[in-house]
Amino acid sequence: MVKLPFPSTLIFPLTNGDKLNRYEFERRYDSTTNVKKAELIEGIVYIMPAALRFRSHGQPHARILTWLGNYEVLTPGVELAVEPTVRLDFDNEPQPDAVLIITPEAGGQTKISEDDYIEGAPELVVEIAASSAAIDLHGKKQAYRRNGVKEYIVWQVLEQKLTWFYLEKGEYLELVADENGILKSRVFPGLWLAVNELLTGKMSDVLQVLQAGLQSREHK
């Protein structure tokens, strides 16, 4: 049997489950018009559904962005992005639900490429996950840890649980709330989160606690 070579200009469609390197993933992704969002995690392509549910994703996502957006406005040297493409390494190119970075000028560990993508590990990544079965707590967590994402928040909406990991000697440890139920970032001074209030939708209380963090001595 004779196999005819494919023309070098032929680009195959992006398919869920493909095992690709980052460069081939980008090449196929750029040529695919019917895919809204796709990620490369540990060399495997995951194509996200176009439709997103309100209470299990859209609303929690908006609440996280409200919290982080308020912090960004009042904190010089940080920038917030929503679902940006992040070039982590040769096998990983995720689109996290939110990232908060320290700008390169302020000593951050990422840079913005000439074609306007994040390269390197953001200081903080946030993912909205349906449950603990999601890839966010498995393949993505492994990739983020290995590449040096300093803090990683996963909100498991169906289980009403939020976990905030921080990187310590190459491993992710779980951040523990203080006696008032507040989680405090170890990387971003004053980034405080009232977890139970966020999970129950009490956003005015969430912003009140954040405001206390923004007025703290470490933030100033």
Protein backbone atom coordinates (compact mmCIF):
# COMPACT_ATOMS: atom_id res chain seq x y z
CA MET A 1 0.00 0.00 0.00
CA VAL A 2 1.32 3.39 -0.99
CA LYS A 3 0.65 6.34 1.32
CA LEU A 4 0.52 9.70 -0.34
CA PRO A 5 1.99 12.53 1.73
CA PHE A 6 -0.36 15.31 2.83
CA PRO A 7 0.41 18.73 1.36
CA SER A 8 2.45 20.85 3.79
CA THR A 9 -0.24 23.53 3.65
CA LEU A 10 -3.02 21.17 4.78
CA ILE A 11 -4.31 22.00 8.28
CA PHE A 12 -6.36 19.36 10.04
CA PRO A 13 -9.38 20.45 12.10
CA LEU A 14 -9.03 20.73 15.86
CA THR A 15 -10.65 17.70 17.50
CA ASN A 16 -11.41 16.98 21.13
CA GLY A 17 -8.85 14.51 22.50
CA ASP A 18 -6.14 15.28 19.94
CA LYS A 19 -2.62 14.91 21.32
CA LEU A 20 -0.63 17.88 20.02
CA ASN A 21 2.23 20.16 20.90
CA ARG A 22 1.47 23.82 21.51
CA TYR A 23 2.54 25.05 18.09
CA GLU A 24 0.35 22.57 16.17
CA PHE A 25 -2.51 23.29 18.59
CA GLU A 26 -2.31 27.01 17.82
CA ARG A 27 -2.06 26.36 14.08
CA ARG A 28 -5.22 24.25 14.06
CA TYR A 29 -7.04 26.48 16.55
CA ASP A 30 -6.42 29.57 14.44
CA SER A 31 -7.84 27.86 11.36
CA THR A 32 -10.93 26.47 13.10
CA THR A 33 -13.99 28.70 12.90
CA ASN A 34 -16.59 26.60 14.74
CA VAL A 35 -14.80 26.28 18.10
CA LYS A 36 -15.42 29.02 20.67
CA LYS A 37 -12.90 27.86 23.28
CA ALA A 38 -10.29 25.11 23.34
CA GLU A 39 -7.41 24.37 25.69
CA LEU A 40 -4.27 22.27 25.51
CA ILE A 41 -3.66 20.54 28.83
CA GLU A 42 -0.73 18.17 29.20
CA GLY A 43 -0.63 17.76 25.42
CA ILE A 44 -4.33 16.86 25.06
CA VAL A 45 -6.95 19.08 23.38
CA TYR A 46 -10.11 19.90 25.33
CA ILE A 47 -12.85 21.70 23.43
CA MET A 48 -15.22 23.61 25.71
CA PRO A 49 -18.97 23.72 25.07
CA ALA A 50 -20.24 26.95 23.55
CA ALA A 51 -23.18 27.20 25.96
CA LEU A 52 -22.53 27.99 29.64
CA ARG A 53 -25.08 27.66 32.41
CA PHE A 54 -26.05 30.68 34.49
CA ARG A 55 -25.83 29.51 38.12
CA SER A 56 -23.13 26.89 37.67
CA HIS A 57 -20.72 29.09 35.72
CA GLY A 58 -21.81 32.50 34.46
CA GLN A 59 -22.85 33.94 37.82
CA PRO A 60 -19.91 32.59 39.88
CA HIS A 61 -17.55 33.81 37.17
CA ALA A 62 -19.04 37.30 37.36
CA ARG A 63 -18.70 37.37 41.14
CA ILE A 64 -15.03 36.37 41.03
CA LEU A 65 -14.39 39.08 38.44
CA THR A 66 -16.15 41.67 40.61
CA TRP A 67 -13.87 40.78 43.52
CA LEU A 68 -10.66 40.75 41.47
CA GLY A 69 -11.65 43.80 39.43
CA ASN A 70 -12.04 45.93 42.53
CA TYR A 71 -8.62 44.80 43.71
CA GLU A 72 -7.01 45.63 40.38
CA VAL A 73 -8.45 49.16 40.30
CA LEU A 74 -6.86 50.06 43.63
CA THR A 75 -3.58 48.15 43.31
CA PRO A 76 -0.82 49.53 41.08
CA GLY A 77 1.33 47.00 39.25
CA VAL A 78 -1.31 44.27 38.78
CA GLU A 79 -3.55 43.44 35.83
CA LEU A 80 -6.67 41.28 35.54
CA ALA A 81 -7.63 39.30 32.44
CA VAL A 82 -10.69 37.18 31.60
CA GLU A 83 -10.17 33.87 29.78
CA PRO A 84 -6.82 34.84 28.23
CA THR A 85 -4.75 32.36 26.30
CA VAL A 86 -1.72 31.47 28.42
CA ARG A 87 1.34 29.88 26.85
CA LEU A 88 2.58 27.87 29.81
CA ASP A 89 4.93 25.39 28.15
CA PHE A 90 5.27 23.12 25.12
CA ASP A 91 2.31 20.94 26.17
CA ASN A 92 0.01 23.43 27.90
CA GLU A 93 -1.98 26.39 26.61
CA PRO A 94 -5.02 26.91 28.83
CA GLN A 95 -7.60 29.70 28.87
CA PRO A 96 -8.28 30.18 32.59
CA ASP A 97 -11.51 31.83 33.70
CA ALA A 98 -9.46 34.63 35.24
CA VAL A 99 -5.83 35.52 35.87
CA LEU A 100 -4.28 38.22 37.99
CA ILE A 101 -0.71 39.04 37.09
CA ILE A 102 2.00 41.28 38.45
CA THR A 103 3.10 43.38 35.50
CA PRO A 104 6.59 42.78 34.07
CA GLU A 105 7.50 46.36 35.03
CA ALA A 106 6.62 45.58 38.65
CA GLY A 107 8.70 42.39 38.67
CA GLY A 108 6.09 39.85 37.56
CA GLN A 109 6.96 36.46 36.09
CA THR A 110 4.96 36.69 32.85
CA LYS A 111 5.43 38.67 29.66
CA ILE A 112 3.11 39.66 26.84
CA SER A 113 4.22 38.26 23.49
CA GLU A 114 4.43 40.26 20.28
CA ASP A 115 1.15 38.67 19.17
CA ASP A 116 -0.48 39.69 22.49
CA TYR A 117 -0.60 36.42 24.47
CA ILE A 118 0.51 35.78 28.04
CA GLU A 119 3.74 33.78 28.16
CA GLY A 120 4.80 32.17 31.42
CA ALA A 121 2.94 31.43 34.63
CA PRO A 122 0.48 34.05 35.97
CA GLU A 123 0.84 34.75 39.67
CA LEU A 124 -2.85 33.88 40.28
CA VAL A 125 -5.17 31.68 38.24
CA VAL A 126 -8.89 31.16 38.94
CA GLU A 127 -11.03 28.38 37.47
CA ILE A 128 -14.77 27.85 37.88
CA ALA A 129 -15.35 24.08 38.04
CA ALA A 130 -18.61 22.17 38.17
CA SER A 131 -17.27 19.62 40.66
CA SER A 132 -14.14 17.87 41.89
CA ALA A 133 -14.31 15.61 38.84
CA ALA A 134 -13.36 18.49 36.55
CA ILE A 135 -10.00 18.74 34.83
CA ASP A 136 -9.32 21.91 36.83
CA LEU A 137 -8.41 19.80 39.89
CA HIS A 138 -6.40 17.25 37.95
CA GLY A 139 -4.54 17.93 34.69
CA LYS A 140 -4.68 21.72 34.97
CA LYS A 141 -3.62 21.73 38.59
CA GLN A 142 -0.60 19.61 37.72
CA ALA A 143 0.36 21.88 34.82
CA TYR A 144 -0.07 25.06 36.84
CA ARG A 145 1.97 23.68 39.74
CA ARG A 146 4.81 22.46 37.54
CA ASN A 147 5.04 25.77 35.70
CA GLY A 148 5.10 27.90 38.83
CA VAL A 149 1.63 29.47 39.10
CA LYS A 150 2.01 30.88 42.61
CA GLU A 151 -1.66 30.77 43.63
CA TYR A 152 -4.55 28.78 42.19
CA ILE A 153 -8.22 29.15 43.11
CA VAL A 154 -10.78 26.50 42.15
CA TRP A 155 -14.46 27.15 42.83
CA GLN A 156 -16.39 23.85 42.77
CA VAL A 157 -19.86 25.31 42.24
CA LEU A 158 -22.02 22.19 42.60
CA GLU A 159 -20.25 21.22 45.80
CA GLN A 160 -20.31 24.81 47.16
CA LYS A 161 -16.59 24.68 47.86
CA LEU A 162 -13.73 27.02 47.08
CA THR A 163 -10.10 25.94 47.44
CA TRP A 164 -7.19 28.37 47.31
CA PHE A 165 -3.81 26.72 46.70
CA TYR A 166 -0.42 28.36 47.12
CA LEU A 167 2.92 27.14 45.84
CA GLU A 168 5.41 26.10 48.50
CA LYS A 169 8.67 24.39 47.52
CA GLY A 170 7.17 23.11 44.27
CA GLU A 171 3.98 21.74 45.82
CA TYR A 172 0.47 23.14 46.19
CA LEU A 173 -0.72 23.59 49.76
CA GLU A 174 -4.22 24.69 50.72
CA LEU A 175 -4.56 28.19 52.11
CA VAL A 176 -6.33 28.16 55.47
CA ALA A 177 -8.87 30.82 56.45
CA ASP A 178 -8.28 32.90 59.57
CA GLU A 179 -10.55 32.90 62.62
CA ASN A 180 -13.00 35.15 60.77
CA GLY A 181 -13.27 32.85 57.77
CA ILE A 182 -11.14 35.09 55.56
CA LEU A 183 -8.57 33.83 53.06
CA LYS A 184 -5.61 36.15 52.52
CA SER A 185 -3.31 35.95 49.52
CA ARG A 186 0.35 35.28 50.19
CA VAL A 187 1.35 36.93 46.89
CA PHE A 188 -1.00 39.91 46.53
CA PRO A 189 -1.05 42.12 49.65
CA GLY A 190 -4.56 42.96 50.78
CA LEU A 191 -6.31 40.48 48.48
CA TRP A 192 -8.72 39.13 51.09
CA LEU A 193 -11.69 36.86 50.43
CA ALA A 194 -14.70 36.16 52.65
CA VAL A 195 -15.28 32.64 51.38
CA ASN A 196 -18.67 31.79 52.86
CA GLU A 197 -20.07 35.13 51.79
CA LEU A 198 -18.89 34.55 48.23
CA LEU A 199 -20.38 31.06 48.13
CA THR A 200 -23.74 32.37 49.38
CA GLY A 201 -23.80 35.36 47.05
CA LYS A 202 -23.39 38.09 49.69
CA MET A 203 -21.25 40.25 47.46
CA SER A 204 -21.58 43.41 49.53
CA ASP A 205 -19.92 41.55 52.41
CA VAL A 206 -17.25 40.16 50.05
CA LEU A 207 -16.39 43.69 48.90
CA GLN A 208 -16.44 45.01 52.46
CA VAL A 209 -13.81 42.45 53.49
CA LEU A 210 -11.77 43.23 50.37
CA GLN A 211 -11.93 46.93 51.26
CA ALA A 212 -10.49 46.11 54.69
CA GLY A 213 -7.65 44.30 52.93
CA LEU A 214 -7.04 47.29 50.67
CA GLN A 215 -6.75 49.48 53.75
CA SER A 216 -4.38 47.11 55.52
CA ARG A 217 -0.79 48.00 56.32
CA GLU A 218 0.63 45.38 53.91
CA HIS A 219 -1.35 46.77 50.99
CA LYS A 220 -0.24 50.32 51.66
